[in-house]
């Protein structure tokens, strides 16, 4: 998933200055779609749009006898005020009696239009049918179009490049901003992440390795991994000068994480394995940040988290680790500090990997939720938390 130039964190604005100090947010807010708090709000992603407003994406579960799960989009300003929220009940099969769906990733264009990638389970004549879909709304959250893109829950990443959308899974697809499929490349196994370079070449990665396709869909090269058990998450990023493709993979069975660098010709620059923690619950999301000829990799499991700072040649600058659970998102501030968050626990790391500041949300955060957006030295953090009234979305702002 590409690094966003702006990242949002779950916390209120607070001045982070003291070394290793626990800090409070400058502001924080809790969001529920129901007045009686009976709904469950699940946050998967936060981004900033062209007006610097915050777009929250995930799902809402309507509890009770008629339980149902719908896709959720919401917009907040940078002062924590809600502008709007919308729910969508996507059905790819008109015969479906029920559908449970959720937004897993989201991007916006220069006009503020929102493109949400989601997954759904539908009940048709008592049987379960699966699909992935894209919803497009305008900047006010009004639906423009929606369409199914796969008959499986296989898509986790959406990118916008040169006025086109890219998604991957069991197939990599390029779509116009009107939803027309311009290119489709089938794969033998599911891919987790897709990136596009400045020449239009397409890079996809999954548990079997990383591949490059030309802008017209021809396979240019493929680098398989030598590891057979990479069955969890994968993340790739292009470096800032389009000179290398970086890969982070998680092994569910051994708690080993793999980080690799390839040239854009498919040659291996370097490869490392990193062992972390003692848990087999790899609930964290491998994250990569690239800036100023430096790389940062965030790796974690359910109990421990690690951040590595490396040179472009793979030499280690520093390594940070603690026992504060999974990392779901990482970003770099304008001043060079690195922010991480997951399960309601956030930390800010300095230039040597030292802990500059920490924050733990008042209420327990979900281990599989957490997203952050950075705008200069402002951080906006979001996660789903268990409040006395139910599971709500917590959004907060910090500033350094």
Protein backbone atom coordinates (compact mmCIF):
# COMPACT_ATOMS: atom_id res chain seq x y z
CA UNK A 1 0.00 0.00 0.00
CA UNK A 2 1.45 3.30 -1.02
CA UNK A 3 2.55 5.78 1.62
CA UNK A 4 0.13 8.68 1.83
CA UNK A 5 1.65 12.14 2.04
CA UNK A 6 -0.73 12.72 4.90
CA UNK A 7 -1.45 10.21 7.64
CA UNK A 8 -4.11 10.21 10.35
CA UNK A 9 -3.69 8.97 13.93
CA UNK A 10 -6.18 8.08 16.58
CA UNK A 11 -5.64 10.75 19.20
CA UNK A 12 -6.39 14.37 20.04
CA UNK A 13 -3.96 17.21 19.27
CA UNK A 14 -1.21 17.32 21.86
CA UNK A 15 2.27 18.81 21.88
CA UNK A 16 4.77 15.93 21.96
CA UNK A 17 8.10 17.19 23.21
CA UNK A 18 9.29 15.38 26.33
CA UNK A 19 11.50 12.32 25.87
CA UNK A 20 9.55 9.11 26.37
CA UNK A 21 6.71 11.02 27.99
CA UNK A 22 3.12 9.79 28.04
CA UNK A 23 1.09 12.50 26.33
CA UNK A 24 -2.56 13.33 25.99
CA UNK A 25 -4.17 14.19 22.66
CA UNK A 26 -4.92 17.78 21.78
CA UNK A 27 -8.43 16.62 21.16
CA UNK A 28 -10.24 13.31 20.91
CA UNK A 29 -13.70 12.20 19.90
CA UNK A 30 -15.74 9.00 19.86
CA UNK A 31 -17.97 8.17 16.93
CA UNK A 32 -21.01 5.89 16.77
CA UNK A 33 -23.70 5.68 14.10
CA UNK A 34 -26.45 5.00 16.67
CA UNK A 35 -27.72 7.19 19.49
CA UNK A 36 -28.14 4.21 21.80
CA UNK A 37 -24.60 2.91 21.02
CA UNK A 38 -25.97 -0.50 20.03
CA UNK A 39 -24.05 -0.52 16.75
CA UNK A 40 -20.45 -1.73 16.46
CA UNK A 41 -18.23 0.68 14.51
CA UNK A 42 -15.16 -0.91 12.96
CA UNK A 43 -12.33 1.24 11.60
CA UNK A 44 -10.02 -0.15 8.92
CA UNK A 45 -8.45 2.94 7.39
CA UNK A 46 -8.05 6.72 7.72
CA UNK A 47 -6.73 9.06 5.02
CA UNK A 48 -6.73 12.81 4.33
CA UNK A 49 -8.52 14.15 1.26
CA UNK A 50 -7.67 17.09 -1.00
CA UNK A 51 -9.08 19.55 1.56
CA UNK A 52 -7.16 17.97 4.45
CA UNK A 53 -10.35 16.53 5.90
CA UNK A 54 -10.15 13.03 7.37
CA UNK A 55 -11.90 10.12 5.64
CA UNK A 56 -12.69 7.14 7.89
CA UNK A 57 -13.46 3.77 6.29
CA UNK A 58 -14.65 0.50 7.77
CA UNK A 59 -17.99 -1.03 8.70
CA UNK A 60 -20.90 -0.78 11.10
CA UNK A 61 -22.56 -3.84 12.61
CA UNK A 62 -26.23 -3.39 13.44
CA UNK A 63 -26.75 -5.72 16.38
CA UNK A 64 -29.89 -7.55 17.47
CA UNK A 65 -32.23 -10.08 15.91
CA UNK A 66 -31.82 -8.56 12.45
CA UNK A 67 -28.04 -8.32 12.68
CA UNK A 68 -26.44 -6.82 9.59
CA UNK A 69 -23.03 -5.38 8.65
CA UNK A 70 -22.75 -2.46 6.25
CA UNK A 71 -19.86 -0.52 4.75
CA UNK A 72 -19.06 2.75 6.54
CA UNK A 73 -17.54 6.01 5.32
CA UNK A 74 -17.29 9.16 7.44
CA UNK A 75 -15.65 12.57 7.06
CA UNK A 76 -14.22 14.68 9.90
CA UNK A 77 -12.40 18.00 9.81
CA UNK A 78 -9.01 18.39 11.49
CA UNK A 79 -10.68 19.80 14.61
CA UNK A 80 -12.53 16.55 15.19
CA UNK A 81 -15.93 17.74 13.96
CA UNK A 82 -17.96 15.21 12.00
CA UNK A 83 -18.99 16.53 8.58
CA UNK A 84 -20.99 13.49 7.48
CA UNK A 85 -21.22 9.70 7.71
CA UNK A 86 -22.71 7.20 5.26
CA UNK A 87 -23.45 3.48 5.31
CA UNK A 88 -23.77 1.30 2.20
CA UNK A 89 -25.33 -2.14 1.85
CA UNK A 90 -23.62 -3.60 -1.22
CA UNK A 91 -25.20 -6.55 -3.03
CA UNK A 92 -23.61 -8.04 -6.14
CA UNK A 93 -26.46 -10.55 -6.44
CA UNK A 94 -29.97 -9.01 -6.52
CA UNK A 95 -31.35 -12.32 -5.21
CA UNK A 96 -29.38 -12.03 -1.97
CA UNK A 97 -31.53 -11.97 1.16
CA UNK A 98 -28.70 -10.54 3.25
CA UNK A 99 -25.25 -9.05 2.76
CA UNK A 100 -22.48 -8.28 5.25
CA UNK A 101 -19.87 -5.93 3.84
CA UNK A 102 -16.96 -3.75 4.92
CA UNK A 103 -14.59 -1.20 3.39
CA UNK A 104 -10.96 -2.37 3.68
CA UNK A 105 -9.12 0.45 1.87
CA UNK A 106 -9.88 3.88 0.46
CA UNK A 107 -8.36 6.59 -1.79
CA UNK A 108 -9.49 10.04 -2.93
CA UNK A 109 -8.87 12.07 -6.09
CA UNK A 110 -8.06 15.76 -6.53
CA UNK A 111 -11.77 16.61 -6.66
CA UNK A 112 -12.47 14.98 -3.31
CA UNK A 113 -14.24 11.96 -4.80
CA UNK A 114 -13.85 8.84 -2.67
CA UNK A 115 -13.09 5.34 -3.97
CA UNK A 116 -13.71 2.64 -1.36
CA UNK A 117 -12.59 -0.97 -1.80
CA UNK A 118 -14.71 -3.47 0.09
CA UNK A 119 -15.59 -7.11 0.64
CA UNK A 120 -18.97 -8.74 1.13
CA UNK A 121 -20.62 -12.03 2.13
CA UNK A 122 -24.11 -12.48 0.71
CA UNK A 123 -26.75 -15.07 1.54
CA UNK A 124 -28.44 -16.44 -1.58
CA UNK A 125 -30.96 -19.25 -1.09
CA UNK A 126 -29.24 -20.18 2.14
CA UNK A 127 -25.76 -20.33 0.61
CA UNK A 128 -22.88 -17.90 1.15
CA UNK A 129 -21.49 -15.99 -1.83
CA UNK A 130 -18.37 -13.83 -1.61
CA UNK A 131 -17.24 -10.80 -3.59
CA UNK A 132 -15.08 -7.70 -3.61
CA UNK A 133 -16.37 -4.33 -4.78
CA UNK A 134 -15.61 -0.64 -5.32
CA UNK A 135 -17.87 2.22 -4.27
CA UNK A 136 -17.37 5.77 -5.61
CA UNK A 137 -18.88 8.75 -3.81
CA UNK A 138 -18.53 12.49 -4.25
CA UNK A 139 -16.95 14.69 -1.58
CA UNK A 140 -20.29 14.84 0.25
CA UNK A 141 -20.53 11.05 0.52
CA UNK A 142 -23.26 10.69 -2.12
CA UNK A 143 -23.03 7.47 -4.13
CA UNK A 144 -21.89 7.89 -7.76
CA UNK A 145 -21.39 4.26 -8.72
CA UNK A 146 -20.71 0.84 -7.24
CA UNK A 147 -19.66 -2.41 -8.84
CA UNK A 148 -18.40 -5.88 -8.08
CA UNK A 149 -14.81 -6.56 -9.16
CA UNK A 150 -14.33 -10.17 -8.00
CA UNK A 151 -16.32 -13.22 -6.94
CA UNK A 152 -14.09 -13.65 -3.88
CA UNK A 153 -12.99 -11.75 -0.78
CA UNK A 154 -9.55 -11.35 -2.29
CA UNK A 155 -8.91 -7.61 -2.64
CA UNK A 156 -7.23 -5.61 0.14
CA UNK A 157 -5.47 -2.70 -1.60
CA UNK A 158 -6.60 0.08 -3.92
CA UNK A 159 -4.27 2.66 -5.50
CA UNK A 160 -4.94 5.75 -7.62
CA UNK A 161 -2.30 6.70 -10.19
CA UNK A 162 -2.56 8.92 -13.27
CA UNK A 163 -6.37 9.11 -13.10
CA UNK A 164 -6.82 5.35 -12.90
CA UNK A 165 -7.63 2.89 -10.12
CA UNK A 166 -5.61 -0.26 -9.45
CA UNK A 167 -6.67 -3.22 -7.31
CA UNK A 168 -5.19 -6.68 -6.85
CA UNK A 169 -6.17 -10.08 -5.51
CA UNK A 170 -6.74 -13.17 -7.64
CA UNK A 171 -6.54 -10.66 -10.49
CA UNK A 172 -4.91 -7.26 -10.86
CA UNK A 173 -7.27 -4.76 -12.45
CA UNK A 174 -6.94 -1.23 -13.79
CA UNK A 175 -10.16 0.78 -13.88
CA UNK A 176 -11.12 4.23 -15.06
CA UNK A 177 -12.48 6.69 -12.50
CA UNK A 178 -15.90 5.85 -13.97
CA UNK A 179 -15.48 2.17 -13.11
CA UNK A 180 -14.66 0.84 -16.58
CA UNK A 181 -12.24 -2.10 -16.44
CA UNK A 182 -9.29 -1.12 -18.66
CA UNK A 183 -6.97 -4.04 -17.87
CA UNK A 184 -7.22 -7.36 -16.02
CA UNK A 185 -4.37 -9.76 -15.21
CA UNK A 186 -5.25 -13.14 -13.71
CA UNK A 187 -3.03 -14.74 -11.03
CA UNK A 188 -2.72 -18.31 -9.78
CA UNK A 189 -2.65 -17.12 -6.17
CA UNK A 190 -4.00 -14.09 -4.33
CA UNK A 191 -1.89 -10.96 -4.16
CA UNK A 192 -2.11 -8.57 -1.21
CA UNK A 193 -0.62 -5.33 -2.51
CA UNK A 194 -0.13 -3.37 -5.73
CA UNK A 195 2.08 -0.40 -6.66
CA UNK A 196 2.57 1.54 -9.90
CA UNK A 197 5.76 3.33 -10.96
CA UNK A 198 6.07 6.57 -12.92
CA UNK A 199 6.24 4.67 -16.22
CA UNK A 200 2.99 2.85 -15.54
CA UNK A 201 4.60 -0.51 -14.71
CA UNK A 202 2.58 -2.53 -12.20
CA UNK A 203 4.05 -4.41 -9.20
CA UNK A 204 2.09 -6.98 -7.21
CA UNK A 205 3.08 -9.11 -4.23
CA UNK A 206 1.61 -12.02 -2.29
CA UNK A 207 2.81 -15.01 -0.33
CA UNK A 208 4.58 -16.44 -3.38
CA UNK A 209 6.70 -13.40 -4.21
CA UNK A 210 6.70 -10.18 -6.20
CA UNK A 211 6.13 -9.57 -9.92
CA UNK A 212 6.33 -6.70 -12.39
CA UNK A 213 3.92 -6.25 -15.28
CA UNK A 214 4.14 -3.69 -18.06
CA UNK A 215 1.52 -0.97 -18.38
CA UNK A 216 -0.27 -3.19 -20.91
CA UNK A 217 -0.31 -6.24 -18.64
CA UNK A 218 2.61 -8.34 -19.92
CA UNK A 219 4.69 -10.13 -17.28
CA UNK A 220 8.16 -8.56 -17.20
CA UNK A 221 9.69 -10.51 -14.31
CA UNK A 222 8.72 -12.48 -11.23
CA UNK A 223 10.75 -13.16 -8.10
CA UNK A 224 9.37 -16.07 -6.07
CA UNK A 225 10.21 -16.30 -2.39
CA UNK A 226 12.01 -19.40 -1.16
CA UNK A 227 9.67 -19.60 1.82
CA UNK A 228 6.59 -21.77 1.51
CA UNK A 229 4.61 -20.71 4.58
CA UNK A 230 4.07 -17.03 3.88
CA UNK A 231 0.34 -17.15 4.39
CA UNK A 232 -0.38 -13.86 6.09
CA UNK A 233 0.19 -10.25 5.13
CA UNK A 234 2.41 -8.67 2.51
CA UNK A 235 3.26 -5.03 1.85
CA UNK A 236 5.31 -3.45 -0.94
CA UNK A 237 6.48 0.11 -1.59
CA UNK A 238 8.45 1.78 -4.35
CA UNK A 239 11.33 3.91 -3.14
CA UNK A 240 10.98 7.65 -3.64
CA UNK A 241 13.12 7.71 -6.79
CA UNK A 242 11.57 4.61 -8.40
CA UNK A 243 14.90 2.78 -8.09
CA UNK A 244 13.79 -0.18 -5.97
CA UNK A 245 10.73 -2.13 -4.85
CA UNK A 246 10.62 -2.98 -1.15
CA UNK A 247 8.82 -6.02 0.23
CA UNK A 248 7.70 -7.00 3.74
CA UNK A 249 6.12 -10.42 4.37
CA UNK A 250 4.88 -12.28 7.45
CA UNK A 251 5.14 -16.01 8.12
CA UNK A 252 2.15 -17.11 10.17
CA UNK A 253 3.73 -20.38 11.27
CA UNK A 254 7.15 -19.30 12.56
CA UNK A 255 6.68 -15.63 13.53
CA UNK A 256 9.43 -14.78 11.07
CA UNK A 257 9.15 -11.61 9.04
CA UNK A 258 10.97 -11.08 5.75
CA UNK A 259 12.12 -7.75 4.32
CA UNK A 260 13.59 -7.52 0.85
CA UNK A 261 14.72 -5.02 -1.76
CA UNK A 262 14.67 -5.61 -5.52
CA UNK A 263 15.78 -3.46 -8.41
CA UNK A 264 13.07 -2.55 -10.89
CA UNK A 265 14.69 -5.12 -13.20
CA UNK A 266 13.88 -7.89 -10.70
CA UNK A 267 17.38 -8.32 -9.28
CA UNK A 268 17.72 -8.91 -5.55
CA UNK A 269 19.48 -6.03 -3.78
CA UNK A 270 19.31 -7.60 -0.31
CA UNK A 271 17.13 -9.85 1.84
CA UNK A 272 16.75 -10.24 5.61
CA UNK A 273 14.70 -12.36 8.00
CA UNK A 274 13.57 -10.87 11.30
CA UNK A 275 12.29 -12.91 14.24
CA UNK A 276 9.93 -11.20 16.64
CA UNK A 277 7.87 -12.14 19.67
CA UNK A 278 6.67 -15.52 20.76
CA UNK A 279 3.08 -15.40 19.60
CA UNK A 280 1.69 -17.14 16.54
CA UNK A 281 -1.02 -14.49 16.23
CA UNK A 282 0.30 -12.21 13.50
CA UNK A 283 -2.38 -9.58 13.73
CA UNK A 284 -0.09 -6.67 12.84
CA UNK A 285 0.21 -5.15 9.38
CA UNK A 286 3.74 -5.03 7.90
CA UNK A 287 4.35 -1.36 7.10
CA UNK A 288 7.05 0.42 5.07
CA UNK A 289 8.04 4.09 4.99
CA UNK A 290 10.53 5.49 2.46
CA UNK A 291 12.08 8.96 2.76
CA UNK A 292 15.42 10.71 2.20
CA UNK A 293 17.22 7.54 1.08
CA UNK A 294 16.18 5.70 4.24
CA UNK A 295 13.77 2.84 4.83
CA UNK A 296 11.68 2.00 7.88
CA UNK A 297 9.97 -1.36 8.34
CA UNK A 298 7.31 -2.00 11.01
CA UNK A 299 6.84 -5.66 11.97
CA UNK A 300 4.73 -7.08 14.80
CA UNK A 301 2.63 -9.84 16.29
CA UNK A 302 -0.11 -9.77 18.92
CA UNK A 303 2.32 -9.06 21.76
CA UNK A 304 5.51 -7.45 20.39
CA UNK A 305 6.32 -4.74 17.88
CA UNK A 306 9.56 -3.92 16.04
CA UNK A 307 10.65 -1.02 13.85
CA UNK A 308 13.83 -1.22 11.77
CA UNK A 309 15.62 1.76 10.21
CA UNK A 310 17.79 0.74 7.25
CA UNK A 311 19.93 2.36 4.60
CA UNK A 312 19.15 1.77 0.92
CA UNK A 313 21.84 -0.95 0.99
CA UNK A 314 20.08 -2.80 3.81
CA UNK A 315 22.47 -1.78 6.61
CA UNK A 316 20.72 -1.31 9.94
CA UNK A 317 20.69 2.18 11.46
CA UNK A 318 18.70 1.19 14.52
CA UNK A 319 16.12 -1.27 15.83
CA UNK A 320 13.27 -0.46 18.19
CA UNK A 321 11.21 -3.12 19.95
CA UNK A 322 8.81 -3.34 22.86
CA UNK A 323 6.00 -5.55 24.15
CA UNK A 324 3.10 -3.26 23.30
CA UNK A 325 1.32 -5.42 20.78
CA UNK A 326 0.67 -5.10 17.05
CA UNK A 327 1.44 -2.26 14.66
CA UNK A 328 -1.32 -1.49 12.18
CA UNK A 329 0.13 1.72 10.69
CA UNK A 330 3.35 3.74 10.51
CA UNK A 331 4.18 7.20 9.15
CA UNK A 332 6.99 9.76 9.11
CA UNK A 333 6.49 13.31 10.39
CA UNK A 334 7.98 16.34 8.66
CA UNK A 335 10.61 16.59 11.42
CA UNK A 336 11.79 13.03 10.70
CA UNK A 337 10.24 11.27 13.69
CA UNK A 338 8.42 7.98 13.09
CA UNK A 339 4.89 7.38 14.39
CA UNK A 340 3.39 3.91 14.93
CA UNK A 341 -0.02 2.83 16.16
CA UNK A 342 -2.09 -0.29 16.76
CA UNK A 343 -4.61 -1.59 19.30
CA UNK A 344 -5.00 1.89 20.75
CA UNK A 345 -1.29 2.20 21.59
CA UNK A 346 0.78 4.82 19.76
CA UNK A 347 4.45 5.79 19.97
CA UNK A 348 6.71 8.40 18.43
CA UNK A 349 10.31 7.39 17.68
CA UNK A 350 13.24 9.77 17.26
CA UNK A 351 16.15 9.73 14.82
CA UNK A 352 18.00 7.02 16.78
CA UNK A 353 14.97 4.86 17.49
CA UNK A 354 14.50 6.39 20.93
CA UNK A 355 10.96 6.76 22.27
CA UNK A 356 10.02 10.42 22.15
CA UNK A 357 6.41 10.05 23.31
CA UNK A 358 3.69 7.46 23.86
CA UNK A 359 -0.08 7.42 24.19
CA UNK A 360 -2.55 4.70 25.13
CA UNK A 361 -6.22 5.28 24.42
CA UNK A 362 -8.45 5.45 27.49
CA UNK A 363 -10.43 2.42 26.38
CA UNK A 364 -9.07 -0.88 25.12
CA UNK A 365 -8.36 -0.87 21.39
CA UNK A 366 -8.93 -3.76 19.02
CA UNK A 367 -5.73 -5.61 18.07
CA UNK A 368 -6.78 -5.61 14.40
CA UNK A 369 -7.72 -1.92 14.19
CA UNK A 370 -5.59 1.20 13.94
CA UNK A 371 -4.73 3.79 11.32
CA UNK A 372 -2.82 7.05 11.31
CA UNK A 373 -2.42 10.09 9.08
CA UNK A 374 0.31 12.70 9.27
CA UNK A 375 0.04 16.27 8.01
CA UNK A 376 3.40 17.95 8.59
CA UNK A 377 4.00 17.44 12.31
CA UNK A 378 0.33 16.85 13.09
CA UNK A 379 -0.81 13.30 13.70
CA UNK A 380 -4.35 11.97 13.55
CA UNK A 381 -4.87 8.47 14.95
CA UNK A 382 -7.95 6.29 14.79
CA UNK A 383 -8.98 2.86 16.07
CA UNK A 384 -11.99 0.88 17.25
CA UNK A 385 -12.21 0.80 21.05
CA UNK A 386 -14.42 -0.95 23.61
CA UNK A 387 -16.21 1.79 25.55
CA UNK A 388 -18.71 1.19 28.38
CA UNK A 389 -21.44 1.74 25.79
CA UNK A 390 -20.07 -0.52 23.05
CA UNK A 391 -17.43 -0.57 20.32
CA UNK A 392 -16.94 2.93 18.88
CA UNK A 393 -14.37 4.63 16.66
CA UNK A 394 -11.88 6.75 18.57
CA UNK A 395 -10.23 9.60 16.68
CA UNK A 396 -7.58 11.91 18.13
CA UNK A 397 -5.01 14.51 17.16
CA UNK A 398 -1.43 15.06 18.34
CA UNK A 399 1.00 17.73 17.26
CA UNK A 400 4.76 17.93 17.77
